[in-house]
Amino acid sequence: MKRFFSLFVALIVLFSVGSIGAKGFAATKMNQDELNAYLAEVRMTQKELEDYLAYYDLTLKEMESVDELRDTLGPTVTPETLKQLLKDYDMTEAELTELLMEYGELEEGDSIIDTFHFIYDIEDIIDLEMGYDDEDMEYDDEELDDLLSGLFTEIGLTDEELERFMNHLMPLVEDPTFEDRLMAISDRMDKLADFET
């Protein structure tokens, strides 16, 4: 558990430091023709897509390519992807429609395919209703290593640098007051959201 926690802390540090530099490098412009083709595929205008991304605190400028946009937003809602979703969650379309209506995401007589653009949005509602099983979210050491190895390689950390970084973090993680200090920092950060000048 300590290893998982130290990797989690390392990820937080790396993302907070790495995201600052990454935004500076993401100055490449997305190909407009590819974007237009993607917009036709997802049945949205560029303004609608920008508004959709803004809801998640994202912008088109942050996306380097349509492939990155596609990876971020997930599969579009089509008869095929909807059928697969229903199969994955062992639901009927009528059950899903009823659920979406309960959450106020679908009106009587509206079609799921016409209302939703991305499967991930529907999955979020299903997961919210069903809850997720904590066991599904657990990873063994090998799976965690596989997930993280690509991340560290992407930001240019060698195995030696990563090992030194982990050795640096271990005394912090093993400190019995560490979790309390992290929670205090979290509480202070929450208060910043309410701060007005």
N, C-alpha and C. Protein backbone atom coordinates (compact mmCIF):
# COMPACT_ATOMS: atom_id res chain seq x y z
N MET A 1 0.82 -1.19 0.00
CA MET A 1 0.00 0.00 0.00
C MET A 1 0.87 1.25 0.00
N LYS A 2 2.01 1.19 0.74
CA LYS A 2 2.89 2.35 0.78
C LYS A 2 3.47 2.63 -0.60
N ARG A 3 3.76 1.56 -1.33
CA ARG A 3 4.31 1.75 -2.67
C ARG A 3 3.27 2.43 -3.57
N PHE A 4 2.03 1.98 -3.48
CA PHE A 4 0.97 2.60 -4.28
C PHE A 4 0.81 4.06 -3.90
N PHE A 5 0.83 4.34 -2.61
CA PHE A 5 0.66 5.71 -2.15
C PHE A 5 1.81 6.59 -2.61
N SER A 6 3.04 6.06 -2.55
CA SER A 6 4.19 6.85 -2.99
C SER A 6 4.13 7.10 -4.49
N LEU A 7 3.67 6.12 -5.26
CA LEU A 7 3.51 6.33 -6.69
C LEU A 7 2.43 7.37 -6.96
N PHE A 8 1.38 7.34 -6.17
CA PHE A 8 0.31 8.32 -6.31
C PHE A 8 0.83 9.73 -6.04
N VAL A 9 1.60 9.89 -4.97
CA VAL A 9 2.17 11.19 -4.64
C VAL A 9 3.12 11.63 -5.75
N ALA A 10 3.91 10.70 -6.27
CA ALA A 10 4.83 11.02 -7.35
C ALA A 10 4.07 11.50 -8.57
N LEU A 11 2.96 10.86 -8.88
CA LEU A 11 2.15 11.29 -10.02
C LEU A 11 1.62 12.70 -9.82
N ILE A 12 1.16 12.99 -8.63
CA ILE A 12 0.64 14.33 -8.35
C ILE A 12 1.73 15.37 -8.57
N VAL A 13 2.90 15.11 -8.03
CA VAL A 13 4.02 16.04 -8.18
C VAL A 13 4.40 16.18 -9.65
N LEU A 14 4.51 15.06 -10.34
CA LEU A 14 4.92 15.11 -11.74
C LEU A 14 3.90 15.82 -12.61
N PHE A 15 2.63 15.56 -12.37
CA PHE A 15 1.61 16.23 -13.18
C PHE A 15 1.55 17.72 -12.87
N SER A 16 1.71 18.09 -11.62
CA SER A 16 1.65 19.51 -11.30
C SER A 16 2.83 20.25 -11.89
N VAL A 17 4.02 19.64 -11.86
CA VAL A 17 5.19 20.27 -12.45
C VAL A 17 5.17 20.12 -13.97
N GLY A 18 4.82 18.92 -14.44
CA GLY A 18 4.84 18.64 -15.87
C GLY A 18 3.78 19.36 -16.66
N SER A 19 2.63 19.61 -16.06
CA SER A 19 1.56 20.24 -16.82
C SER A 19 1.87 21.68 -17.14
N ILE A 20 2.69 22.33 -16.30
CA ILE A 20 3.06 23.72 -16.56
C ILE A 20 3.88 23.79 -17.83
N GLY A 21 4.88 22.89 -17.95
CA GLY A 21 5.72 22.88 -19.13
C GLY A 21 5.00 22.34 -20.35
N ALA A 22 4.11 21.40 -20.15
CA ALA A 22 3.42 20.77 -21.28
C ALA A 22 2.56 21.77 -22.02
N LYS A 23 1.95 22.71 -21.30
CA LYS A 23 1.09 23.68 -21.96
C LYS A 23 1.89 24.59 -22.87
N GLY A 24 3.14 24.84 -22.48
CA GLY A 24 3.99 25.67 -23.31
C GLY A 24 4.38 24.97 -24.60
N PHE A 25 4.49 23.65 -24.56
CA PHE A 25 4.88 22.90 -25.74
C PHE A 25 3.69 22.56 -26.63
N ALA A 26 2.48 22.73 -26.15
CA ALA A 26 1.30 22.33 -26.91
C ALA A 26 0.84 23.43 -27.85
N ALA A 27 1.80 24.10 -28.45
CA ALA A 27 1.45 25.23 -29.29
C ALA A 27 1.15 24.80 -30.72
N THR A 28 1.27 23.54 -31.03
CA THR A 28 0.97 23.10 -32.37
C THR A 28 -0.51 23.29 -32.66
N LYS A 29 -0.77 23.70 -33.87
CA LYS A 29 -2.15 23.97 -34.25
C LYS A 29 -2.79 22.72 -34.84
N MET A 30 -4.03 22.49 -34.45
CA MET A 30 -4.76 21.33 -34.95
C MET A 30 -5.14 21.56 -36.41
N ASN A 31 -5.05 20.53 -37.21
CA ASN A 31 -5.42 20.61 -38.62
C ASN A 31 -6.92 20.87 -38.73
N GLN A 32 -7.29 21.99 -39.35
CA GLN A 32 -8.70 22.40 -39.42
C GLN A 32 -9.54 21.44 -40.25
N ASP A 33 -8.97 20.88 -41.32
CA ASP A 33 -9.73 19.93 -42.13
C ASP A 33 -10.06 18.67 -41.33
N GLU A 34 -9.07 18.18 -40.55
CA GLU A 34 -9.33 17.01 -39.70
C GLU A 34 -10.35 17.34 -38.63
N LEU A 35 -10.26 18.55 -38.09
CA LEU A 35 -11.23 18.97 -37.07
C LEU A 35 -12.63 19.04 -37.66
N ASN A 36 -12.76 19.58 -38.86
CA ASN A 36 -14.07 19.66 -39.50
C ASN A 36 -14.66 18.27 -39.75
N ALA A 37 -13.81 17.33 -40.17
CA ALA A 37 -14.28 15.95 -40.37
C ALA A 37 -14.73 15.35 -39.05
N TYR A 38 -13.99 15.62 -37.98
CA TYR A 38 -14.36 15.11 -36.65
C TYR A 38 -15.67 15.73 -36.19
N LEU A 39 -15.83 17.03 -36.42
CA LEU A 39 -17.08 17.70 -36.03
C LEU A 39 -18.28 17.09 -36.75
N ALA A 40 -18.11 16.74 -38.02
CA ALA A 40 -19.20 16.09 -38.76
C ALA A 40 -19.48 14.71 -38.16
N GLU A 41 -18.43 14.01 -37.77
CA GLU A 41 -18.58 12.68 -37.18
C GLU A 41 -19.35 12.73 -35.86
N VAL A 42 -19.08 13.74 -35.05
CA VAL A 42 -19.73 13.83 -33.73
C VAL A 42 -21.00 14.69 -33.76
N ARG A 43 -21.36 15.18 -34.94
CA ARG A 43 -22.58 15.96 -35.13
C ARG A 43 -22.62 17.22 -34.25
N MET A 44 -21.51 17.97 -34.27
CA MET A 44 -21.41 19.20 -33.49
C MET A 44 -20.78 20.30 -34.34
N THR A 45 -21.09 21.54 -33.99
CA THR A 45 -20.38 22.66 -34.58
C THR A 45 -19.12 22.91 -33.73
N GLN A 46 -18.22 23.71 -34.25
CA GLN A 46 -17.01 23.99 -33.49
C GLN A 46 -17.36 24.72 -32.19
N LYS A 47 -18.32 25.62 -32.24
CA LYS A 47 -18.76 26.35 -31.04
C LYS A 47 -19.34 25.38 -30.01
N GLU A 48 -20.16 24.43 -30.46
CA GLU A 48 -20.73 23.44 -29.54
C GLU A 48 -19.62 22.59 -28.90
N LEU A 49 -18.63 22.22 -29.70
CA LEU A 49 -17.52 21.43 -29.16
C LEU A 49 -16.72 22.25 -28.15
N GLU A 50 -16.47 23.52 -28.47
CA GLU A 50 -15.74 24.38 -27.53
C GLU A 50 -16.51 24.54 -26.23
N ASP A 51 -17.83 24.70 -26.32
CA ASP A 51 -18.66 24.80 -25.11
C ASP A 51 -18.62 23.50 -24.32
N TYR A 52 -18.67 22.39 -25.03
CA TYR A 52 -18.61 21.07 -24.37
C TYR A 52 -17.29 20.92 -23.63
N LEU A 53 -16.19 21.25 -24.29
CA LEU A 53 -14.88 21.15 -23.67
C LEU A 53 -14.76 22.10 -22.47
N ALA A 54 -15.32 23.29 -22.59
CA ALA A 54 -15.25 24.27 -21.50
C ALA A 54 -15.92 23.73 -20.24
N TYR A 55 -16.96 22.93 -20.40
CA TYR A 55 -17.63 22.32 -19.25
C TYR A 55 -16.64 21.48 -18.44
N TYR A 56 -15.67 20.88 -19.12
CA TYR A 56 -14.65 20.05 -18.46
C TYR A 56 -13.34 20.82 -18.26
N ASP A 57 -13.39 22.15 -18.35
CA ASP A 57 -12.21 23.01 -18.20
C ASP A 57 -11.12 22.67 -19.21
N LEU A 58 -11.53 22.38 -20.43
CA LEU A 58 -10.60 22.11 -21.52
C LEU A 58 -10.86 23.10 -22.65
N THR A 59 -9.87 23.24 -23.53
CA THR A 59 -10.04 24.07 -24.72
C THR A 59 -9.49 23.31 -25.92
N LEU A 60 -9.93 23.72 -27.10
CA LEU A 60 -9.40 23.12 -28.33
C LEU A 60 -7.91 23.40 -28.46
N LYS A 61 -7.47 24.56 -27.98
CA LYS A 61 -6.06 24.92 -28.09
C LYS A 61 -5.16 23.97 -27.31
N GLU A 62 -5.70 23.35 -26.27
CA GLU A 62 -4.91 22.40 -25.48
C GLU A 62 -4.70 21.09 -26.23
N MET A 63 -5.55 20.80 -27.18
CA MET A 63 -5.47 19.54 -27.92
C MET A 63 -4.51 19.70 -29.09
N GLU A 64 -3.56 18.78 -29.18
CA GLU A 64 -2.56 18.87 -30.24
C GLU A 64 -3.06 18.30 -31.56
N SER A 65 -4.02 17.39 -31.48
CA SER A 65 -4.49 16.75 -32.71
C SER A 65 -5.91 16.25 -32.50
N VAL A 66 -6.53 15.87 -33.59
CA VAL A 66 -7.86 15.28 -33.52
C VAL A 66 -7.79 13.94 -32.80
N ASP A 67 -6.68 13.22 -32.97
CA ASP A 67 -6.53 11.94 -32.26
C ASP A 67 -6.54 12.15 -30.75
N GLU A 68 -5.86 13.19 -30.28
CA GLU A 68 -5.88 13.49 -28.85
C GLU A 68 -7.29 13.87 -28.40
N LEU A 69 -7.97 14.64 -29.22
CA LEU A 69 -9.35 15.02 -28.93
C LEU A 69 -10.23 13.78 -28.86
N ARG A 70 -10.05 12.89 -29.81
CA ARG A 70 -10.82 11.64 -29.86
C ARG A 70 -10.54 10.78 -28.62
N ASP A 71 -9.28 10.69 -28.22
CA ASP A 71 -8.92 9.92 -27.03
C ASP A 71 -9.51 10.54 -25.76
N THR A 72 -9.53 11.85 -25.70
CA THR A 72 -10.04 12.54 -24.52
C THR A 72 -11.55 12.39 -24.38
N LEU A 73 -12.26 12.55 -25.48
CA LEU A 73 -13.73 12.55 -25.43
C LEU A 73 -14.32 11.15 -25.54
N GLY A 74 -13.58 10.23 -26.08
CA GLY A 74 -14.06 8.86 -26.18
C GLY A 74 -14.90 8.62 -27.42
N PRO A 75 -15.44 7.42 -27.52
CA PRO A 75 -16.22 7.05 -28.71
C PRO A 75 -17.50 7.88 -28.83
N THR A 76 -17.88 8.13 -30.07
CA THR A 76 -19.14 8.83 -30.30
C THR A 76 -20.30 7.85 -30.14
N VAL A 77 -21.47 8.40 -29.89
CA VAL A 77 -22.65 7.56 -29.73
C VAL A 77 -23.19 7.23 -31.12
N THR A 78 -23.15 5.96 -31.44
CA THR A 78 -23.71 5.43 -32.68
C THR A 78 -24.54 4.22 -32.30
N PRO A 79 -25.34 3.70 -33.23
CA PRO A 79 -26.08 2.48 -32.89
C PRO A 79 -25.16 1.35 -32.42
N GLU A 80 -23.97 1.24 -33.02
CA GLU A 80 -23.05 0.17 -32.66
C GLU A 80 -22.46 0.39 -31.26
N THR A 81 -22.00 1.62 -30.98
CA THR A 81 -21.40 1.87 -29.67
C THR A 81 -22.45 1.82 -28.56
N LEU A 82 -23.66 2.23 -28.88
CA LEU A 82 -24.74 2.15 -27.89
C LEU A 82 -25.07 0.68 -27.59
N LYS A 83 -25.12 -0.13 -28.64
CA LYS A 83 -25.39 -1.56 -28.45
C LYS A 83 -24.31 -2.21 -27.58
N GLN A 84 -23.05 -1.85 -27.82
CA GLN A 84 -21.95 -2.39 -27.02
C GLN A 84 -22.04 -1.92 -25.57
N LEU A 85 -22.40 -0.67 -25.37
CA LEU A 85 -22.56 -0.13 -24.02
C LEU A 85 -23.64 -0.89 -23.26
N LEU A 86 -24.77 -1.11 -23.92
CA LEU A 86 -25.87 -1.85 -23.29
C LEU A 86 -25.43 -3.26 -22.93
N LYS A 87 -24.65 -3.87 -23.81
CA LYS A 87 -24.14 -5.22 -23.54
C LYS A 87 -23.17 -5.20 -22.36
N ASP A 88 -22.27 -4.21 -22.34
CA ASP A 88 -21.28 -4.11 -21.26
C ASP A 88 -21.93 -3.94 -19.89
N TYR A 89 -23.03 -3.20 -19.85
CA TYR A 89 -23.70 -2.94 -18.57
C TYR A 89 -24.92 -3.83 -18.35
N ASP A 90 -25.13 -4.76 -19.27
CA ASP A 90 -26.24 -5.71 -19.15
C ASP A 90 -27.56 -4.96 -18.92
N MET A 91 -27.84 -4.03 -19.83
CA MET A 91 -29.06 -3.22 -19.77
C MET A 91 -29.78 -3.29 -21.10
N THR A 92 -31.06 -2.97 -21.05
CA THR A 92 -31.81 -2.79 -22.30
C THR A 92 -31.83 -1.30 -22.61
N GLU A 93 -32.17 -0.98 -23.84
CA GLU A 93 -32.25 0.44 -24.21
C GLU A 93 -33.37 1.13 -23.42
N ALA A 94 -34.45 0.40 -23.16
CA ALA A 94 -35.55 0.97 -22.37
C ALA A 94 -35.09 1.30 -20.95
N GLU A 95 -34.30 0.40 -20.34
CA GLU A 95 -33.78 0.66 -18.99
C GLU A 95 -32.85 1.87 -18.98
N LEU A 96 -32.00 1.96 -19.99
CA LEU A 96 -31.09 3.09 -20.07
C LEU A 96 -31.86 4.39 -20.28
N THR A 97 -32.85 4.35 -21.15
CA THR A 97 -33.67 5.54 -21.40
C THR A 97 -34.34 5.99 -20.12
N GLU A 98 -34.89 5.05 -19.37
CA GLU A 98 -35.55 5.39 -18.10
C GLU A 98 -34.55 6.02 -17.12
N LEU A 99 -33.35 5.45 -17.05
CA LEU A 99 -32.32 5.98 -16.16
C LEU A 99 -31.94 7.41 -16.55
N LEU A 100 -31.74 7.64 -17.84
CA LEU A 100 -31.36 8.97 -18.31
C LEU A 100 -32.47 9.98 -18.07
N MET A 101 -33.72 9.54 -18.16
CA MET A 101 -34.85 10.42 -17.87
C MET A 101 -34.90 10.75 -16.38
N GLU A 102 -34.61 9.76 -15.53
CA GLU A 102 -34.58 10.00 -14.08
C GLU A 102 -33.55 11.06 -13.72
N TYR A 103 -32.43 11.06 -14.42
CA TYR A 103 -31.37 12.02 -14.15
C TYR A 103 -31.58 13.35 -14.89
N GLY A 104 -32.68 13.46 -15.61
CA GLY A 104 -32.98 14.70 -16.31
C GLY A 104 -32.12 14.95 -17.53
N GLU A 105 -31.50 13.91 -18.05
CA GLU A 105 -30.62 14.03 -19.20
C GLU A 105 -31.32 13.72 -20.52
N LEU A 106 -32.55 13.24 -20.43
CA LEU A 106 -33.29 12.84 -21.62
C LEU A 106 -34.76 13.15 -21.39
N GLU A 107 -35.39 13.70 -22.39
CA GLU A 107 -36.82 14.01 -22.32
C GLU A 107 -37.62 12.87 -22.94
N GLU A 108 -38.87 12.76 -22.54
CA GLU A 108 -39.78 11.75 -23.10
C GLU A 108 -39.80 11.87 -24.62
N GLY A 109 -39.59 10.76 -25.30
CA GLY A 109 -39.63 10.73 -26.76
C GLY A 109 -38.31 11.06 -27.44
N ASP A 110 -37.31 11.54 -26.68
CA ASP A 110 -36.00 11.84 -27.27
C ASP A 110 -35.20 10.56 -27.45
N SER A 111 -34.33 10.59 -28.43
CA SER A 111 -33.47 9.46 -28.73
C SER A 111 -32.12 9.64 -28.03
N ILE A 112 -31.58 8.56 -27.51
CA ILE A 112 -30.26 8.61 -26.87
C ILE A 112 -29.22 9.05 -27.89
N ILE A 113 -29.29 8.49 -29.08
CA ILE A 113 -28.30 8.80 -30.12
C ILE A 113 -28.37 10.26 -30.54
N ASP A 114 -29.56 10.83 -30.59
CA ASP A 114 -29.70 12.23 -30.98
C ASP A 114 -29.34 13.19 -29.85
N THR A 115 -29.43 12.74 -28.61
CA THR A 115 -29.20 13.62 -27.46
C THR A 115 -27.74 13.64 -27.02
N PHE A 116 -27.10 12.48 -27.01
CA PHE A 116 -25.73 12.38 -26.51
C PHE A 116 -24.74 12.29 -27.66
N HIS A 117 -23.59 12.89 -27.46
CA HIS A 117 -22.54 12.85 -28.47
C HIS A 117 -21.48 11.79 -28.17
N PHE A 118 -21.23 11.55 -26.86
CA PHE A 118 -20.12 10.68 -26.47
C PHE A 118 -20.57 9.62 -25.48
N ILE A 119 -20.09 8.40 -25.69
CA ILE A 119 -20.42 7.26 -24.82
C ILE A 119 -20.00 7.52 -23.38
N TYR A 120 -18.84 8.18 -23.19
CA TYR A 120 -18.36 8.42 -21.83
C TYR A 120 -19.38 9.15 -20.98
N ASP A 121 -20.14 10.07 -21.58
CA ASP A 121 -21.15 10.81 -20.82
C ASP A 121 -22.24 9.87 -20.30
N ILE A 122 -22.64 8.93 -21.12
CA ILE A 122 -23.66 7.97 -20.71
C ILE A 122 -23.08 7.03 -19.65
N GLU A 123 -21.84 6.59 -19.86
CA GLU A 123 -21.19 5.71 -18.88
C GLU A 123 -21.09 6.38 -17.51
N ASP A 124 -20.79 7.67 -17.50
CA ASP A 124 -20.69 8.39 -16.22
C ASP A 124 -22.00 8.32 -15.45
N ILE A 125 -23.11 8.48 -16.14
CA ILE A 125 -24.42 8.44 -15.49
C ILE A 125 -24.72 7.03 -14.98
N ILE A 126 -24.42 6.03 -15.81
CA ILE A 126 -24.65 4.64 -15.39
C ILE A 126 -23.79 4.32 -14.17
N ASP A 127 -22.51 4.71 -14.22
CA ASP A 127 -21.61 4.44 -13.10
C ASP A 127 -22.06 5.17 -11.84
N LEU A 128 -22.58 6.37 -12.01
CA LEU A 128 -23.09 7.12 -10.87
C LEU A 128 -24.26 6.39 -10.23
N GLU A 129 -25.14 5.86 -11.05
CA GLU A 129 -26.31 5.14 -10.55
C GLU A 129 -25.91 3.80 -9.93
N MET A 130 -25.07 3.08 -10.62
CA MET A 130 -24.71 1.74 -10.16
C MET A 130 -23.62 1.77 -9.10
N GLY A 131 -22.87 2.86 -9.06
CA GLY A 131 -21.69 2.89 -8.21
C GLY A 131 -20.66 1.99 -8.84
N TYR A 132 -19.44 2.17 -8.45
CA TYR A 132 -18.42 1.28 -8.98
C TYR A 132 -17.90 0.42 -7.86
N ASP A 133 -17.45 -0.73 -8.22
CA ASP A 133 -16.93 -1.69 -7.26
C ASP A 133 -15.46 -1.34 -6.98
N ASP A 134 -15.12 -1.15 -5.72
CA ASP A 134 -13.75 -0.81 -5.37
C ASP A 134 -12.76 -1.85 -5.89
N GLU A 135 -13.19 -3.11 -5.94
CA GLU A 135 -12.29 -4.15 -6.43
C GLU A 135 -11.94 -3.93 -7.90
N ASP A 136 -12.87 -3.34 -8.67
CA ASP A 136 -12.59 -3.06 -10.07
C ASP A 136 -11.52 -1.98 -10.22
N MET A 137 -11.39 -1.14 -9.20
CA MET A 137 -10.46 -0.03 -9.27
C MET A 137 -9.09 -0.38 -8.68
N GLU A 138 -8.91 -1.59 -8.18
CA GLU A 138 -7.64 -1.98 -7.60
C GLU A 138 -6.73 -2.57 -8.68
N TYR A 139 -5.47 -2.25 -8.57
CA TYR A 139 -4.48 -2.75 -9.52
C TYR A 139 -3.40 -3.49 -8.74
N ASP A 140 -2.91 -4.58 -9.32
CA ASP A 140 -1.77 -5.21 -8.67
C ASP A 140 -0.50 -4.46 -9.10
N ASP A 141 0.62 -4.80 -8.49
CA ASP A 141 1.87 -4.07 -8.74
C ASP A 141 2.26 -4.10 -10.21
N GLU A 142 2.08 -5.24 -10.86
CA GLU A 142 2.46 -5.36 -12.27
C GLU A 142 1.61 -4.45 -13.15
N GLU A 143 0.30 -4.43 -12.91
CA GLU A 143 -0.58 -3.56 -13.69
C GLU A 143 -0.23 -2.09 -13.46
N LEU A 144 0.03 -1.74 -12.23
CA LEU A 144 0.38 -0.37 -11.90
C LEU A 144 1.70 0.03 -12.56
N ASP A 145 2.68 -0.86 -12.54
CA ASP A 145 3.95 -0.59 -13.21
C ASP A 145 3.75 -0.38 -14.70
N ASP A 146 2.90 -1.18 -15.32
CA ASP A 146 2.62 -1.03 -16.75
C ASP A 146 1.97 0.32 -17.04
N LEU A 147 1.02 0.71 -16.20
CA LEU A 147 0.33 1.98 -16.40
C LEU A 147 1.29 3.17 -16.26
N LEU A 148 2.17 3.09 -15.29
CA LEU A 148 3.04 4.22 -14.99
C LEU A 148 4.27 4.29 -15.87
N SER A 149 4.73 3.16 -16.39
CA SER A 149 5.97 3.16 -17.17
C SER A 149 5.86 4.07 -18.38
N GLY A 150 4.73 4.04 -19.05
CA GLY A 150 4.54 4.92 -20.21
C GLY A 150 4.53 6.38 -19.82
N LEU A 151 3.93 6.68 -18.69
CA LEU A 151 3.86 8.06 -18.21
C LEU A 151 5.26 8.61 -17.95
N PHE A 152 6.07 7.87 -17.22
CA PHE A 152 7.40 8.35 -16.87
C PHE A 152 8.29 8.45 -18.10
N THR A 153 8.14 7.54 -19.03
CA THR A 153 8.90 7.60 -20.27
C THR A 153 8.50 8.83 -21.07
N GLU A 154 7.21 9.12 -21.08
CA GLU A 154 6.69 10.26 -21.85
C GLU A 154 7.26 11.58 -21.36
N ILE A 155 7.46 11.72 -20.06
CA ILE A 155 8.00 12.98 -19.55
C ILE A 155 9.52 12.96 -19.44
N GLY A 156 10.14 11.86 -19.88
CA GLY A 156 11.59 11.81 -19.98
C GLY A 156 12.32 11.38 -18.72
N LEU A 157 11.66 10.73 -17.79
CA LEU A 157 12.34 10.24 -16.58
C LEU A 157 12.94 8.87 -16.85
N THR A 158 14.22 8.74 -16.54
CA THR A 158 14.86 7.43 -16.68
C THR A 158 14.54 6.60 -15.45
N ASP A 159 14.81 5.31 -15.53
CA ASP A 159 14.58 4.43 -14.38
C ASP A 159 15.41 4.86 -13.18
N GLU A 160 16.64 5.30 -13.44
CA GLU A 160 17.51 5.74 -12.35
C GLU A 160 16.95 6.99 -11.67
N GLU A 161 16.49 7.95 -12.48
CA GLU A 161 15.91 9.17 -11.91
C GLU A 161 14.64 8.87 -11.13
N LEU A 162 13.85 7.97 -11.65
CA LEU A 162 12.62 7.59 -10.96
C LEU A 162 12.94 6.91 -9.64
N GLU A 163 13.94 6.04 -9.64
CA GLU A 163 14.35 5.36 -8.40
C GLU A 163 14.82 6.37 -7.36
N ARG A 164 15.63 7.35 -7.79
CA ARG A 164 16.10 8.38 -6.85
C ARG A 164 14.94 9.21 -6.33
N PHE A 165 13.99 9.51 -7.20
CA PHE A 165 12.82 10.28 -6.80
C PHE A 165 11.99 9.51 -5.76
N MET A 166 11.80 8.22 -6.01
CA MET A 166 11.04 7.39 -5.07
C MET A 166 11.77 7.28 -3.73
N ASN A 167 13.08 7.14 -3.78
CA ASN A 167 13.86 7.08 -2.54
C ASN A 167 13.75 8.38 -1.76
N HIS A 168 13.63 9.47 -2.47
CA HIS A 168 13.44 10.76 -1.81
C HIS A 168 12.06 10.85 -1.15
N LEU A 169 11.05 10.29 -1.82
CA LEU A 169 9.68 10.39 -1.29
C LEU A 169 9.39 9.41 -0.16
N MET A 170 10.09 8.29 -0.12
CA MET A 170 9.77 7.25 0.87
C MET A 170 9.80 7.75 2.31
N PRO A 171 10.80 8.54 2.73
CA PRO A 171 10.75 9.03 4.11
C PRO A 171 9.52 9.89 4.38
N LEU A 172 9.08 10.63 3.37
CA LEU A 172 7.87 11.44 3.55
C LEU A 172 6.65 10.56 3.74
N VAL A 173 6.53 9.54 2.90
CA VAL A 173 5.37 8.66 2.94
C VAL A 173 5.34 7.85 4.23
N GLU A 174 6.51 7.47 4.71
CA GLU A 174 6.58 6.67 5.92
C GLU A 174 6.37 7.48 7.19
N ASP A 175 6.43 8.80 7.08
CA ASP A 175 6.19 9.68 8.23
C ASP A 175 4.73 9.57 8.64
N PRO A 176 4.45 9.24 9.92
CA PRO A 176 3.06 9.05 10.35
C PRO A 176 2.21 10.32 10.26
N THR A 177 2.84 11.49 10.21
CA THR A 177 2.06 12.74 10.13
C THR A 177 1.83 13.18 8.69
N PHE A 178 2.39 12.44 7.74
CA PHE A 178 2.33 12.84 6.34
C PHE A 178 0.90 12.98 5.83
N GLU A 179 0.06 12.00 6.12
CA GLU A 179 -1.32 12.05 5.63
C GLU A 179 -2.06 13.25 6.23
N ASP A 180 -1.85 13.52 7.51
CA ASP A 180 -2.49 14.68 8.14
C ASP A 180 -2.03 15.98 7.48
N ARG A 181 -0.74 16.05 7.16
CA ARG A 181 -0.23 17.27 6.51
C ARG A 181 -0.82 17.42 5.11
N LEU A 182 -0.95 16.31 4.39
CA LEU A 182 -1.58 16.38 3.06
C LEU A 182 -3.03 16.83 3.15
N MET A 183 -3.75 16.32 4.14
CA MET A 183 -5.15 16.73 4.31
C MET A 183 -5.24 18.21 4.67
N ALA A 184 -4.31 18.71 5.47
CA ALA A 184 -4.30 20.13 5.81
C ALA A 184 -4.06 20.98 4.56
N ILE A 185 -3.15 20.54 3.71
CA ILE A 185 -2.90 21.25 2.45
C ILE A 185 -4.16 21.21 1.58
N SER A 186 -4.80 20.06 1.52
CA SER A 186 -6.02 19.93 0.73
C SER A 186 -7.10 20.87 1.23
N ASP A 187 -7.25 20.95 2.54
CA ASP A 187 -8.25 21.86 3.12
C ASP A 187 -7.94 23.31 2.76
N ARG A 188 -6.66 23.67 2.82
CA ARG A 188 -6.27 25.04 2.47
C ARG A 188 -6.55 25.32 1.00
N MET A 189 -6.31 24.34 0.14
CA MET A 189 -6.57 24.52 -1.29
C MET A 189 -8.06 24.68 -1.55
N ASP A 190 -8.88 23.93 -0.81
CA ASP A 190 -10.33 24.07 -0.96
C ASP A 190 -10.78 25.47 -0.60
N LYS A 191 -10.16 26.07 0.40
CA LYS A 191 -10.52 27.42 0.82
C LYS A 191 -10.14 28.46 -0.23
N LEU A 192 -9.09 28.17 -1.01
CA LEU A 192 -8.69 29.09 -2.07
C LEU A 192 -9.79 29.27 -3.11
N ALA A 193 -10.56 28.24 -3.35
CA ALA A 193 -11.64 28.33 -4.35
C ALA A 193 -12.68 29.35 -3.93
N ASP A 194 -12.84 29.54 -2.62
CA ASP A 194 -13.82 30.50 -2.11
C ASP A 194 -13.24 31.89 -1.91
N PHE A 195 -11.94 32.04 -2.12
CA PHE A 195 -11.27 33.31 -1.87
C PHE A 195 -11.65 34.34 -2.93
N GLU A 196 -11.97 35.54 -2.47
CA GLU A 196 -12.27 36.64 -3.39
C GLU A 196 -11.38 37.81 -3.03
N THR A 197 -10.86 38.50 -4.06
CA THR A 197 -10.01 39.65 -3.80
C THR A 197 -10.80 40.92 -3.73
